[in-house]
Amino acid sequence: MTVKLKAWEVPLRLSTGVFILDSGLGKLSKDAATAAQTHGFAAGAYPVLGNVDPRVFVRVLAAGEVTLGAALLIPAVPTALVGLGLAGFSAGLLGLYLRTPGLRREGSLRPTEQGVGIAKDVWLLAIGAAFVVEELTERHRGNG
């Protein structure tokens, strides 16, 4: 199966792929204190993560980011597949935004100053959804 990227997909895959890959690579060298902080933030939003060792959590998170970032950058990986991965990853980040006190203005979805850094991840969700919708539309038309 040959994957042919559309011109509009290339800048989106490059920009998100490089950003996510860099984030994952950066997490591979985090010290114990930073791992505990990242883990605590995630466990506050997703309590099930509280039982996971912080160093293991950060290593798994880093591996996931490196994998997703690399998949976005490798043209042979189907756009629908990376779209699903990107949508799932960003949905998890937006879950942090929605569940963490102080990131949103009271009674609103609008971010506080502290929440802007995560609220902007809605763009990653939109890009992932666009990839999936485009592939489904192409298949429905018989072009995929």
N, C-alpha and C. Protein backbone atom coordinates (compact mmCIF):
# COMPACT_ATOMS: atom_id res chain seq x y z
N MET A 1 0.84 -1.17 0.00
CA MET A 1 0.00 0.00 0.00
C MET A 1 0.89 1.24 0.00
N THR A 2 0.68 2.09 -0.96
CA THR A 2 1.45 3.33 -1.06
C THR A 2 0.62 4.47 -0.49
N VAL A 3 1.23 5.26 0.36
CA VAL A 3 0.57 6.42 0.95
C VAL A 3 1.02 7.65 0.17
N LYS A 4 0.05 8.40 -0.32
CA LYS A 4 0.38 9.63 -1.03
C LYS A 4 -0.18 10.80 -0.23
N LEU A 5 0.72 11.64 0.25
CA LEU A 5 0.30 12.79 1.03
C LEU A 5 -0.23 13.88 0.11
N LYS A 6 -1.26 14.55 0.59
CA LYS A 6 -1.76 15.72 -0.12
C LYS A 6 -0.93 16.93 0.32
N ALA A 7 -0.79 17.90 -0.56
CA ALA A 7 0.06 19.05 -0.28
C ALA A 7 -0.32 19.74 1.02
N TRP A 8 -1.60 19.87 1.31
CA TRP A 8 -2.03 20.58 2.52
C TRP A 8 -1.68 19.82 3.80
N GLU A 9 -1.48 18.49 3.70
CA GLU A 9 -1.14 17.70 4.87
C GLU A 9 0.32 17.88 5.30
N VAL A 10 1.17 18.18 4.36
CA VAL A 10 2.62 18.23 4.64
C VAL A 10 2.98 19.24 5.72
N PRO A 11 2.56 20.52 5.63
CA PRO A 11 2.96 21.44 6.69
C PRO A 11 2.35 21.10 8.05
N LEU A 12 1.17 20.51 8.04
CA LEU A 12 0.54 20.13 9.31
C LEU A 12 1.26 18.94 9.94
N ARG A 13 1.61 17.98 9.12
CA ARG A 13 2.34 16.82 9.64
C ARG A 13 3.73 17.22 10.10
N LEU A 14 4.41 18.07 9.34
CA LEU A 14 5.75 18.51 9.73
C LEU A 14 5.73 19.30 11.04
N SER A 15 4.87 20.29 11.12
CA SER A 15 4.87 21.16 12.31
C SER A 15 4.46 20.40 13.57
N THR A 16 3.39 19.61 13.49
CA THR A 16 2.97 18.87 14.67
C THR A 16 3.96 17.75 14.99
N GLY A 17 4.48 17.09 13.94
CA GLY A 17 5.43 16.00 14.16
C GLY A 17 6.70 16.45 14.85
N VAL A 18 7.28 17.55 14.37
CA VAL A 18 8.51 18.06 14.96
C VAL A 18 8.26 18.50 16.41
N PHE A 19 7.16 19.19 16.64
CA PHE A 19 6.84 19.69 17.97
C PHE A 19 6.67 18.53 18.96
N ILE A 20 5.87 17.53 18.58
CA ILE A 20 5.60 16.41 19.48
C ILE A 20 6.84 15.54 19.67
N LEU A 21 7.59 15.30 18.60
CA LEU A 21 8.82 14.53 18.72
C LEU A 21 9.80 15.21 19.66
N ASP A 22 9.96 16.52 19.53
CA ASP A 22 10.86 17.27 20.41
C ASP A 22 10.40 17.19 21.87
N SER A 23 9.10 17.30 22.07
CA SER A 23 8.57 17.21 23.43
C SER A 23 8.88 15.85 24.04
N GLY A 24 8.67 14.79 23.27
CA GLY A 24 8.96 13.45 23.77
C GLY A 24 10.43 13.23 24.05
N LEU A 25 11.28 13.67 23.14
CA LEU A 25 12.73 13.53 23.36
C LEU A 25 13.17 14.29 24.59
N GLY A 26 12.60 15.46 24.82
CA GLY A 26 12.93 16.24 26.00
C GLY A 26 12.54 15.55 27.29
N LYS A 27 11.45 14.81 27.26
CA LYS A 27 11.00 14.10 28.47
C LYS A 27 11.90 12.92 28.81
N LEU A 28 12.63 12.40 27.86
CA LEU A 28 13.49 11.25 28.12
C LEU A 28 14.60 11.56 29.11
N SER A 29 14.96 12.84 29.22
CA SER A 29 16.07 13.21 30.11
C SER A 29 15.59 13.95 31.37
N LYS A 30 14.31 13.84 31.69
CA LYS A 30 13.80 14.54 32.87
C LYS A 30 14.31 13.90 34.15
N ASP A 31 14.60 14.74 35.14
CA ASP A 31 15.03 14.24 36.43
C ASP A 31 13.82 13.79 37.25
N ALA A 32 14.08 13.19 38.40
CA ALA A 32 13.01 12.62 39.22
C ALA A 32 12.01 13.68 39.69
N ALA A 33 12.50 14.86 40.04
CA ALA A 33 11.60 15.91 40.51
C ALA A 33 10.65 16.38 39.41
N THR A 34 11.18 16.54 38.21
CA THR A 34 10.35 16.97 37.08
C THR A 34 9.37 15.87 36.70
N ALA A 35 9.81 14.62 36.77
CA ALA A 35 8.92 13.49 36.48
C ALA A 35 7.78 13.47 37.49
N ALA A 36 8.09 13.71 38.75
CA ALA A 36 7.06 13.73 39.79
C ALA A 36 6.07 14.86 39.56
N GLN A 37 6.56 16.00 39.14
CA GLN A 37 5.69 17.14 38.85
C GLN A 37 4.76 16.85 37.67
N THR A 38 5.30 16.32 36.59
CA THR A 38 4.50 15.98 35.41
C THR A 38 3.48 14.92 35.77
N HIS A 39 3.91 13.91 36.50
CA HIS A 39 3.01 12.84 36.93
C HIS A 39 1.91 13.38 37.83
N GLY A 40 2.26 14.23 38.76
CA GLY A 40 1.26 14.80 39.67
C GLY A 40 0.20 15.60 38.93
N PHE A 41 0.61 16.35 37.93
CA PHE A 41 -0.32 17.13 37.12
C PHE A 41 -1.29 16.19 36.39
N ALA A 42 -0.74 15.14 35.78
CA ALA A 42 -1.58 14.19 35.05
C ALA A 42 -2.49 13.41 35.99
N ALA A 43 -1.95 12.98 37.12
CA ALA A 43 -2.74 12.20 38.08
C ALA A 43 -3.85 13.03 38.71
N GLY A 44 -3.64 14.35 38.80
CA GLY A 44 -4.69 15.22 39.32
C GLY A 44 -5.92 15.22 38.41
N ALA A 45 -5.69 15.11 37.12
CA ALA A 45 -6.79 15.08 36.15
C ALA A 45 -7.29 13.67 35.91
N TYR A 46 -6.38 12.72 35.95
CA TYR A 46 -6.71 11.31 35.71
C TYR A 46 -6.25 10.49 36.91
N PRO A 47 -7.08 10.38 37.96
CA PRO A 47 -6.66 9.72 39.21
C PRO A 47 -6.14 8.30 39.05
N VAL A 48 -6.55 7.59 38.02
CA VAL A 48 -6.07 6.23 37.81
C VAL A 48 -4.55 6.20 37.63
N LEU A 49 -3.98 7.31 37.20
CA LEU A 49 -2.53 7.38 37.00
C LEU A 49 -1.77 7.52 38.32
N GLY A 50 -2.49 7.78 39.40
CA GLY A 50 -1.84 7.97 40.69
C GLY A 50 -1.04 6.78 41.16
N ASN A 51 -1.42 5.60 40.72
CA ASN A 51 -0.72 4.37 41.14
C ASN A 51 0.50 4.04 40.29
N VAL A 52 0.74 4.82 39.26
CA VAL A 52 1.87 4.57 38.37
C VAL A 52 3.09 5.32 38.90
N ASP A 53 4.24 4.66 38.91
CA ASP A 53 5.48 5.31 39.32
C ASP A 53 5.74 6.51 38.40
N PRO A 54 6.06 7.69 38.97
CA PRO A 54 6.27 8.88 38.14
C PRO A 54 7.31 8.71 37.04
N ARG A 55 8.40 8.02 37.33
CA ARG A 55 9.44 7.83 36.30
C ARG A 55 8.94 6.94 35.17
N VAL A 56 8.17 5.91 35.52
CA VAL A 56 7.59 5.03 34.50
C VAL A 56 6.58 5.83 33.67
N PHE A 57 5.74 6.62 34.34
CA PHE A 57 4.75 7.42 33.63
C PHE A 57 5.42 8.33 32.60
N VAL A 58 6.45 9.04 33.02
CA VAL A 58 7.11 9.98 32.11
C VAL A 58 7.81 9.24 30.97
N ARG A 59 8.40 8.08 31.24
CA ARG A 59 9.03 7.31 30.16
C ARG A 59 8.00 6.83 29.14
N VAL A 60 6.86 6.38 29.63
CA VAL A 60 5.79 5.92 28.72
C VAL A 60 5.23 7.11 27.94
N LEU A 61 5.02 8.23 28.61
CA LEU A 61 4.55 9.44 27.94
C LEU A 61 5.55 9.87 26.87
N ALA A 62 6.83 9.86 27.21
CA ALA A 62 7.87 10.24 26.25
C ALA A 62 7.88 9.29 25.06
N ALA A 63 7.78 8.00 25.32
CA ALA A 63 7.77 7.02 24.23
C ALA A 63 6.57 7.24 23.31
N GLY A 64 5.42 7.54 23.91
CA GLY A 64 4.23 7.81 23.11
C GLY A 64 4.40 9.05 22.24
N GLU A 65 4.98 10.09 22.81
CA GLU A 65 5.19 11.32 22.05
C GLU A 65 6.22 11.11 20.93
N VAL A 66 7.29 10.40 21.22
CA VAL A 66 8.30 10.13 20.20
C VAL A 66 7.68 9.31 19.07
N THR A 67 6.89 8.31 19.42
CA THR A 67 6.24 7.47 18.41
C THR A 67 5.28 8.28 17.56
N LEU A 68 4.43 9.07 18.19
CA LEU A 68 3.47 9.88 17.45
C LEU A 68 4.17 10.92 16.59
N GLY A 69 5.16 11.59 17.15
CA GLY A 69 5.90 12.59 16.38
C GLY A 69 6.58 11.99 15.17
N ALA A 70 7.22 10.85 15.36
CA ALA A 70 7.89 10.18 14.24
C ALA A 70 6.87 9.72 13.20
N ALA A 71 5.74 9.18 13.64
CA ALA A 71 4.71 8.73 12.70
C ALA A 71 4.20 9.89 11.85
N LEU A 72 4.04 11.05 12.45
CA LEU A 72 3.62 12.22 11.69
C LEU A 72 4.64 12.62 10.65
N LEU A 73 5.91 12.41 10.93
CA LEU A 73 6.99 12.81 10.03
C LEU A 73 7.30 11.78 8.94
N ILE A 74 6.84 10.57 9.11
CA ILE A 74 7.13 9.51 8.13
C ILE A 74 5.98 9.43 7.14
N PRO A 75 6.21 9.83 5.90
CA PRO A 75 5.13 9.86 4.91
C PRO A 75 4.45 8.51 4.66
N ALA A 76 5.14 7.41 4.93
CA ALA A 76 4.56 6.09 4.70
C ALA A 76 3.46 5.73 5.69
N VAL A 77 3.37 6.46 6.80
CA VAL A 77 2.33 6.20 7.79
C VAL A 77 1.06 6.90 7.31
N PRO A 78 -0.04 6.14 7.15
CA PRO A 78 -1.27 6.73 6.63
C PRO A 78 -1.77 7.92 7.46
N THR A 79 -2.24 8.92 6.75
CA THR A 79 -2.71 10.14 7.40
C THR A 79 -3.87 9.87 8.36
N ALA A 80 -4.78 8.97 8.00
CA ALA A 80 -5.88 8.65 8.90
C ALA A 80 -5.36 8.07 10.21
N LEU A 81 -4.33 7.24 10.14
CA LEU A 81 -3.77 6.64 11.34
C LEU A 81 -3.12 7.69 12.24
N VAL A 82 -2.31 8.57 11.65
CA VAL A 82 -1.68 9.61 12.48
C VAL A 82 -2.74 10.60 12.97
N GLY A 83 -3.80 10.78 12.18
CA GLY A 83 -4.89 11.65 12.61
C GLY A 83 -5.57 11.10 13.85
N LEU A 84 -5.82 9.80 13.87
CA LEU A 84 -6.42 9.18 15.05
C LEU A 84 -5.49 9.31 16.26
N GLY A 85 -4.20 9.06 16.04
CA GLY A 85 -3.24 9.19 17.13
C GLY A 85 -3.17 10.60 17.66
N LEU A 86 -3.13 11.57 16.77
CA LEU A 86 -3.06 12.97 17.16
C LEU A 86 -4.33 13.40 17.89
N ALA A 87 -5.48 12.97 17.39
CA ALA A 87 -6.74 13.32 18.04
C ALA A 87 -6.81 12.72 19.44
N GLY A 88 -6.40 11.47 19.58
CA GLY A 88 -6.42 10.83 20.90
C GLY A 88 -5.46 11.50 21.88
N PHE A 89 -4.26 11.79 21.41
CA PHE A 89 -3.26 12.45 22.24
C PHE A 89 -3.76 13.82 22.70
N SER A 90 -4.28 14.60 21.76
CA SER A 90 -4.73 15.95 22.11
C SER A 90 -5.98 15.91 22.97
N ALA A 91 -6.83 14.90 22.79
CA ALA A 91 -8.01 14.77 23.66
C ALA A 91 -7.57 14.56 25.11
N GLY A 92 -6.51 13.79 25.29
CA GLY A 92 -5.98 13.60 26.64
C GLY A 92 -5.47 14.90 27.24
N LEU A 93 -4.80 15.71 26.43
CA LEU A 93 -4.31 17.01 26.89
C LEU A 93 -5.47 17.95 27.22
N LEU A 94 -6.49 17.92 26.39
CA LEU A 94 -7.65 18.78 26.65
C LEU A 94 -8.41 18.31 27.88
N GLY A 95 -8.37 17.00 28.14
CA GLY A 95 -8.94 16.49 29.39
C GLY A 95 -8.24 17.09 30.60
N LEU A 96 -6.92 17.22 30.52
CA LEU A 96 -6.17 17.90 31.60
C LEU A 96 -6.69 19.31 31.79
N TYR A 97 -6.88 19.99 30.67
CA TYR A 97 -7.36 21.38 30.70
C TYR A 97 -8.73 21.46 31.37
N LEU A 98 -9.62 20.58 31.00
CA LEU A 98 -10.99 20.63 31.53
C LEU A 98 -11.08 20.20 32.98
N ARG A 99 -10.19 19.32 33.42
CA ARG A 99 -10.28 18.74 34.77
C ARG A 99 -9.40 19.42 35.81
N THR A 100 -8.48 20.26 35.39
CA THR A 100 -7.55 20.86 36.34
C THR A 100 -8.04 22.23 36.77
N PRO A 101 -8.28 22.39 38.07
CA PRO A 101 -8.74 23.70 38.57
C PRO A 101 -7.72 24.80 38.28
N GLY A 102 -8.23 25.96 37.96
CA GLY A 102 -7.38 27.13 37.73
C GLY A 102 -6.97 27.33 36.29
N LEU A 103 -7.25 26.38 35.42
CA LEU A 103 -6.87 26.53 34.02
C LEU A 103 -7.97 27.21 33.19
N ARG A 104 -9.21 27.19 33.72
CA ARG A 104 -10.33 27.82 33.03
C ARG A 104 -10.95 28.89 33.91
N ARG A 105 -11.53 29.89 33.26
CA ARG A 105 -12.27 30.91 34.00
C ARG A 105 -13.52 30.27 34.59
N GLU A 106 -13.90 30.71 35.77
CA GLU A 106 -15.05 30.15 36.46
C GLU A 106 -16.29 30.16 35.57
N GLY A 107 -16.93 28.98 35.44
CA GLY A 107 -18.15 28.86 34.66
C GLY A 107 -17.97 29.00 33.16
N SER A 108 -16.75 28.83 32.67
CA SER A 108 -16.47 29.07 31.26
C SER A 108 -15.46 28.05 30.74
N LEU A 109 -15.43 27.91 29.43
CA LEU A 109 -14.38 27.12 28.79
C LEU A 109 -13.17 27.97 28.45
N ARG A 110 -13.31 29.28 28.60
CA ARG A 110 -12.21 30.20 28.28
C ARG A 110 -11.05 30.01 29.27
N PRO A 111 -9.83 30.01 28.75
CA PRO A 111 -8.69 29.75 29.64
C PRO A 111 -8.31 30.95 30.50
N THR A 112 -7.75 30.61 31.65
CA THR A 112 -7.06 31.62 32.45
C THR A 112 -5.67 31.79 31.82
N GLU A 113 -4.90 32.69 32.36
CA GLU A 113 -3.53 32.86 31.87
C GLU A 113 -2.74 31.57 32.01
N GLN A 114 -2.96 30.84 33.10
CA GLN A 114 -2.26 29.58 33.33
C GLN A 114 -2.75 28.47 32.40
N GLY A 115 -3.97 28.59 31.89
CA GLY A 115 -4.55 27.54 31.06
C GLY A 115 -4.28 27.65 29.58
N VAL A 116 -3.78 28.79 29.13
CA VAL A 116 -3.58 29.01 27.70
C VAL A 116 -2.64 27.96 27.10
N GLY A 117 -1.60 27.59 27.83
CA GLY A 117 -0.61 26.64 27.31
C GLY A 117 -1.20 25.28 26.96
N ILE A 118 -2.25 24.88 27.65
CA ILE A 118 -2.90 23.60 27.34
C ILE A 118 -4.13 23.81 26.46
N ALA A 119 -4.84 24.90 26.65
CA ALA A 119 -6.04 25.16 25.84
C ALA A 119 -5.69 25.23 24.37
N LYS A 120 -4.52 25.70 24.05
CA LYS A 120 -4.12 25.81 22.65
C LYS A 120 -3.99 24.45 21.98
N ASP A 121 -3.97 23.39 22.74
CA ASP A 121 -3.88 22.05 22.16
C ASP A 121 -5.15 21.65 21.43
N VAL A 122 -6.17 22.49 21.50
CA VAL A 122 -7.37 22.25 20.71
C VAL A 122 -7.02 22.25 19.22
N TRP A 123 -5.97 22.97 18.84
CA TRP A 123 -5.53 22.98 17.43
C TRP A 123 -5.01 21.61 17.02
N LEU A 124 -4.35 20.91 17.92
CA LEU A 124 -3.89 19.56 17.61
C LEU A 124 -5.07 18.63 17.38
N LEU A 125 -6.11 18.78 18.18
CA LEU A 125 -7.32 17.98 17.99
C LEU A 125 -7.96 18.29 16.64
N ALA A 126 -8.00 19.56 16.28
CA ALA A 126 -8.58 19.95 14.99
C ALA A 126 -7.78 19.38 13.83
N ILE A 127 -6.47 19.39 13.92
CA ILE A 127 -5.62 18.84 12.86
C ILE A 127 -5.85 17.33 12.74
N GLY A 128 -5.85 16.64 13.88
CA GLY A 128 -6.11 15.20 13.85
C GLY A 128 -7.47 14.88 13.25
N ALA A 129 -8.48 15.63 13.65
CA ALA A 129 -9.83 15.41 13.11
C ALA A 129 -9.87 15.69 11.61
N ALA A 130 -9.17 16.73 11.17
CA ALA A 130 -9.14 17.06 9.73
C ALA A 130 -8.51 15.92 8.93
N PHE A 131 -7.43 15.34 9.45
CA PHE A 131 -6.80 14.21 8.77
C PHE A 131 -7.78 13.04 8.62
N VAL A 132 -8.47 12.72 9.70
CA VAL A 132 -9.40 11.59 9.68
C VAL A 132 -10.58 11.88 8.76
N VAL A 133 -11.17 13.06 8.88
CA VAL A 133 -12.32 13.41 8.04
C VAL A 133 -11.95 13.39 6.57
N GLU A 134 -10.79 13.92 6.23
CA GLU A 134 -10.35 13.92 4.83
C GLU A 134 -10.22 12.50 4.29
N GLU A 135 -9.61 11.63 5.07
CA GLU A 135 -9.43 10.25 4.61
C GLU A 135 -10.77 9.54 4.46
N LEU A 136 -11.68 9.75 5.41
CA LEU A 136 -13.00 9.13 5.32
C LEU A 136 -13.77 9.67 4.12
N THR A 137 -13.66 10.95 3.88
CA THR A 137 -14.34 11.57 2.74
C THR A 137 -13.78 11.03 1.43
N GLU A 138 -12.47 10.90 1.34
CA GLU A 138 -11.83 10.37 0.13
C GLU A 138 -12.28 8.93 -0.12
N ARG A 139 -12.33 8.14 0.93
CA ARG A 139 -12.75 6.73 0.77
C ARG A 139 -14.21 6.67 0.34
N HIS A 140 -15.04 7.53 0.89
CA HIS A 140 -16.46 7.55 0.53
C HIS A 140 -16.64 7.92 -0.95
N ARG A 141 -15.80 8.80 -1.43
CA ARG A 141 -15.84 9.21 -2.84
C ARG A 141 -15.21 8.15 -3.75
N GLY A 142 -14.52 7.21 -3.14
CA GLY A 142 -13.86 6.18 -3.94
C GLY A 142 -12.48 6.57 -4.43
N ASN A 143 -11.91 7.60 -3.80
CA ASN A 143 -10.58 8.08 -4.21
C ASN A 143 -9.47 7.59 -3.29
N GLY A 144 -9.79 6.80 -2.29
CA GLY A 144 -8.77 6.45 -1.30
C GLY A 144 -8.42 5.07 -1.32
